Every structure is written in C-alpha cells, then in structure tokens.
Amino acid sequence: MQKAEGQWRRYGEAHVSFLSEFLSVSGQKLDAAGEADGQFDKKLGLFPYLTLAPLPDGPTFHKKWFR
C-alpha cells in the first residue's frame, strides 16, 4: 500500500484531474500538463471506484470493503 498527498480538481459530474504530486501507477496516461485524469463511477449504484486515463481501460481503484 502506498499513500500520497497533493491536490486535485473536479470537473463535470465525475471527472477529476490529479496534479503531478500524486503517485504514478503503471498503465496510467498523463495529459500534456503531467496530470493524471480520471473518472469516478459506481458499481451497482453503490460502490464507488476510480478509473484513471486512458478511459475506460486505465488503472482502476476501489475501496476495500472487507478485510
């Protein structure tokens, strides 16, 4: 597990842009400014997850509900 702190911007209904301080992960695509763009969605209308660019096939993150 890794943690990072930094800034992000929300735009539109579900899109976000993470500034360059955030962690880079394999498979993500950065925009011209070096920011990682992504989109929040929900599975079954309840469980949020984040997909980073390239959408829709980029790296996906979700909260671990059960340990």
N, C-alpha and C. Protein backbone atom coordinates (compact mmCIF):
# COMPACT_ATOMS: atom_id res chain seq x y z
N MET A 1 0.85 -1.17 0.00
CA MET A 1 0.00 0.00 0.00
C MET A 1 0.89 1.23 0.00
N GLN A 2 0.53 2.23 -0.78
CA GLN A 2 1.24 3.49 -0.83
C GLN A 2 0.25 4.61 -0.57
N LYS A 3 0.75 5.69 0.00
CA LYS A 3 -0.08 6.86 0.26
C LYS A 3 0.58 8.07 -0.37
N ALA A 4 -0.25 9.04 -0.75
CA ALA A 4 0.26 10.28 -1.33
C ALA A 4 -0.64 11.43 -0.90
N GLU A 5 -0.06 12.61 -0.87
CA GLU A 5 -0.82 13.82 -0.61
C GLU A 5 -0.61 14.76 -1.78
N GLY A 6 -1.60 15.57 -2.07
CA GLY A 6 -1.47 16.51 -3.16
C GLY A 6 -2.80 17.17 -3.44
N GLN A 7 -2.87 17.77 -4.59
CA GLN A 7 -4.08 18.49 -4.97
C GLN A 7 -4.74 17.82 -6.17
N TRP A 8 -6.05 18.01 -6.25
CA TRP A 8 -6.81 17.52 -7.39
C TRP A 8 -7.95 18.47 -7.66
N ARG A 9 -8.44 18.41 -8.90
CA ARG A 9 -9.55 19.26 -9.31
C ARG A 9 -10.67 18.37 -9.82
N ARG A 10 -11.88 18.76 -9.51
CA ARG A 10 -13.05 18.07 -10.02
C ARG A 10 -13.65 18.91 -11.12
N TYR A 11 -14.08 18.27 -12.18
CA TYR A 11 -14.79 18.98 -13.24
C TYR A 11 -15.87 18.06 -13.80
N GLY A 12 -16.97 18.66 -14.20
CA GLY A 12 -18.10 17.87 -14.67
C GLY A 12 -18.73 17.08 -13.53
N GLU A 13 -19.47 16.08 -13.87
CA GLU A 13 -20.16 15.26 -12.87
C GLU A 13 -19.23 14.33 -12.12
N ALA A 14 -18.27 13.72 -12.81
CA ALA A 14 -17.49 12.67 -12.18
C ALA A 14 -16.01 12.68 -12.53
N HIS A 15 -15.56 13.68 -13.27
CA HIS A 15 -14.17 13.70 -13.71
C HIS A 15 -13.28 14.42 -12.71
N VAL A 16 -12.04 13.94 -12.60
CA VAL A 16 -11.05 14.55 -11.73
C VAL A 16 -9.72 14.64 -12.46
N SER A 17 -8.89 15.56 -12.00
CA SER A 17 -7.54 15.70 -12.52
C SER A 17 -6.61 15.81 -11.33
N PHE A 18 -5.69 14.87 -11.20
CA PHE A 18 -4.74 14.84 -10.10
C PHE A 18 -3.46 15.54 -10.53
N LEU A 19 -3.00 16.48 -9.73
CA LEU A 19 -1.77 17.20 -10.05
C LEU A 19 -0.58 16.26 -9.92
N SER A 20 0.55 16.68 -10.44
CA SER A 20 1.71 15.79 -10.60
C SER A 20 2.31 15.25 -9.31
N GLU A 21 1.93 15.79 -8.13
CA GLU A 21 2.49 15.26 -6.88
C GLU A 21 1.99 13.86 -6.56
N PHE A 22 0.87 13.47 -7.13
CA PHE A 22 0.29 12.18 -6.82
C PHE A 22 1.16 11.06 -7.38
N LEU A 23 0.97 9.87 -6.82
CA LEU A 23 1.72 8.70 -7.25
C LEU A 23 1.43 8.36 -8.70
N SER A 24 2.44 7.89 -9.38
CA SER A 24 2.24 7.38 -10.74
C SER A 24 2.06 5.88 -10.63
N VAL A 25 1.17 5.35 -11.43
CA VAL A 25 0.94 3.90 -11.44
C VAL A 25 1.07 3.39 -12.86
N SER A 26 1.46 2.14 -12.97
CA SER A 26 1.63 1.51 -14.27
C SER A 26 0.32 1.51 -15.04
N GLY A 27 0.38 1.90 -16.29
CA GLY A 27 -0.79 1.88 -17.15
C GLY A 27 -1.56 3.18 -17.23
N GLN A 28 -1.24 4.16 -16.36
CA GLN A 28 -1.97 5.42 -16.43
C GLN A 28 -1.36 6.31 -17.51
N LYS A 29 -2.19 7.15 -18.07
CA LYS A 29 -1.75 8.08 -19.12
C LYS A 29 -1.86 9.50 -18.57
N LEU A 30 -0.76 10.26 -18.65
CA LEU A 30 -0.75 11.64 -18.18
C LEU A 30 -1.11 12.58 -19.33
N ASP A 31 -1.74 13.72 -19.00
CA ASP A 31 -2.04 14.70 -20.03
C ASP A 31 -0.81 15.57 -20.29
N ALA A 32 -0.93 16.56 -21.15
CA ALA A 32 0.20 17.41 -21.54
C ALA A 32 0.79 18.17 -20.36
N ALA A 33 -0.01 18.45 -19.33
CA ALA A 33 0.47 19.17 -18.15
C ALA A 33 1.08 18.24 -17.11
N GLY A 34 1.13 16.94 -17.40
CA GLY A 34 1.67 15.98 -16.46
C GLY A 34 0.69 15.56 -15.38
N GLU A 35 -0.58 15.83 -15.60
CA GLU A 35 -1.62 15.48 -14.63
C GLU A 35 -2.29 14.17 -15.04
N ALA A 36 -2.75 13.44 -14.03
CA ALA A 36 -3.47 12.19 -14.27
C ALA A 36 -4.96 12.48 -14.23
N ASP A 37 -5.65 12.25 -15.32
CA ASP A 37 -7.09 12.45 -15.38
C ASP A 37 -7.79 11.13 -15.07
N GLY A 38 -8.98 11.25 -14.50
CA GLY A 38 -9.73 10.05 -14.18
C GLY A 38 -11.21 10.34 -14.07
N GLN A 39 -11.95 9.28 -13.78
CA GLN A 39 -13.40 9.39 -13.66
C GLN A 39 -13.89 8.47 -12.56
N PHE A 40 -14.80 9.00 -11.72
CA PHE A 40 -15.44 8.20 -10.69
C PHE A 40 -16.72 7.60 -11.26
N ASP A 41 -16.95 6.34 -10.93
CA ASP A 41 -18.19 5.65 -11.28
C ASP A 41 -18.63 4.83 -10.08
N LYS A 42 -19.80 4.19 -10.19
CA LYS A 42 -20.29 3.33 -9.11
C LYS A 42 -20.73 1.99 -9.68
N LYS A 43 -20.34 0.92 -9.00
CA LYS A 43 -20.83 -0.41 -9.34
C LYS A 43 -22.12 -0.64 -8.57
N LEU A 44 -23.10 -1.17 -9.25
CA LEU A 44 -24.40 -1.44 -8.65
C LEU A 44 -25.04 -0.20 -8.04
N GLY A 45 -24.59 0.97 -8.46
CA GLY A 45 -25.13 2.21 -7.94
C GLY A 45 -24.73 2.55 -6.52
N LEU A 46 -23.86 1.73 -5.91
CA LEU A 46 -23.49 1.92 -4.50
C LEU A 46 -22.00 2.03 -4.24
N PHE A 47 -21.19 1.28 -4.97
CA PHE A 47 -19.77 1.14 -4.65
C PHE A 47 -18.91 1.98 -5.58
N PRO A 48 -18.36 3.09 -5.07
CA PRO A 48 -17.56 3.98 -5.93
C PRO A 48 -16.21 3.38 -6.29
N TYR A 49 -15.76 3.70 -7.50
CA TYR A 49 -14.42 3.34 -7.93
C TYR A 49 -13.90 4.42 -8.87
N LEU A 50 -12.58 4.49 -8.98
CA LEU A 50 -11.91 5.50 -9.80
C LEU A 50 -11.14 4.80 -10.90
N THR A 51 -11.31 5.26 -12.13
CA THR A 51 -10.54 4.78 -13.26
C THR A 51 -9.71 5.93 -13.79
N LEU A 52 -8.40 5.72 -13.92
CA LEU A 52 -7.51 6.74 -14.47
C LEU A 52 -7.42 6.57 -15.98
N ALA A 53 -7.05 7.65 -16.68
CA ALA A 53 -6.89 7.61 -18.13
C ALA A 53 -5.79 6.62 -18.48
N PRO A 54 -5.92 5.92 -19.57
CA PRO A 54 -6.91 6.07 -20.62
C PRO A 54 -8.22 5.40 -20.26
N LEU A 55 -9.30 6.16 -20.40
CA LEU A 55 -10.63 5.66 -20.07
C LEU A 55 -11.18 4.84 -21.24
N PRO A 56 -11.84 3.79 -21.04
CA PRO A 56 -12.27 3.18 -19.78
C PRO A 56 -11.34 2.08 -19.30
N ASP A 57 -10.18 1.91 -19.95
CA ASP A 57 -9.33 0.74 -19.68
C ASP A 57 -8.10 1.03 -18.82
N GLY A 58 -8.04 2.21 -18.21
CA GLY A 58 -6.88 2.55 -17.39
C GLY A 58 -6.93 1.87 -16.03
N PRO A 59 -5.92 2.11 -15.20
CA PRO A 59 -5.89 1.52 -13.85
C PRO A 59 -7.13 1.92 -13.06
N THR A 60 -7.69 0.98 -12.32
CA THR A 60 -8.92 1.20 -11.56
C THR A 60 -8.67 0.95 -10.08
N PHE A 61 -9.23 1.82 -9.25
CA PHE A 61 -9.07 1.73 -7.80
C PHE A 61 -10.43 1.70 -7.14
N HIS A 62 -10.55 0.92 -6.10
CA HIS A 62 -11.81 0.85 -5.35
C HIS A 62 -11.50 0.67 -3.88
N LYS A 63 -12.44 1.02 -3.04
CA LYS A 63 -12.28 0.86 -1.61
C LYS A 63 -12.41 -0.61 -1.25
N LYS A 64 -11.53 -1.06 -0.39
CA LYS A 64 -11.61 -2.42 0.09
C LYS A 64 -12.63 -2.46 1.21
N TRP A 65 -13.77 -3.08 0.97
CA TRP A 65 -14.88 -3.06 1.92
C TRP A 65 -14.72 -4.07 3.04
N PHE A 66 -14.12 -5.20 2.75
CA PHE A 66 -13.96 -6.26 3.76
C PHE A 66 -12.49 -6.64 3.84
N ARG A 67 -12.04 -6.92 5.04
CA ARG A 67 -10.62 -7.30 5.22
C ARG A 67 -10.47 -8.74 5.50
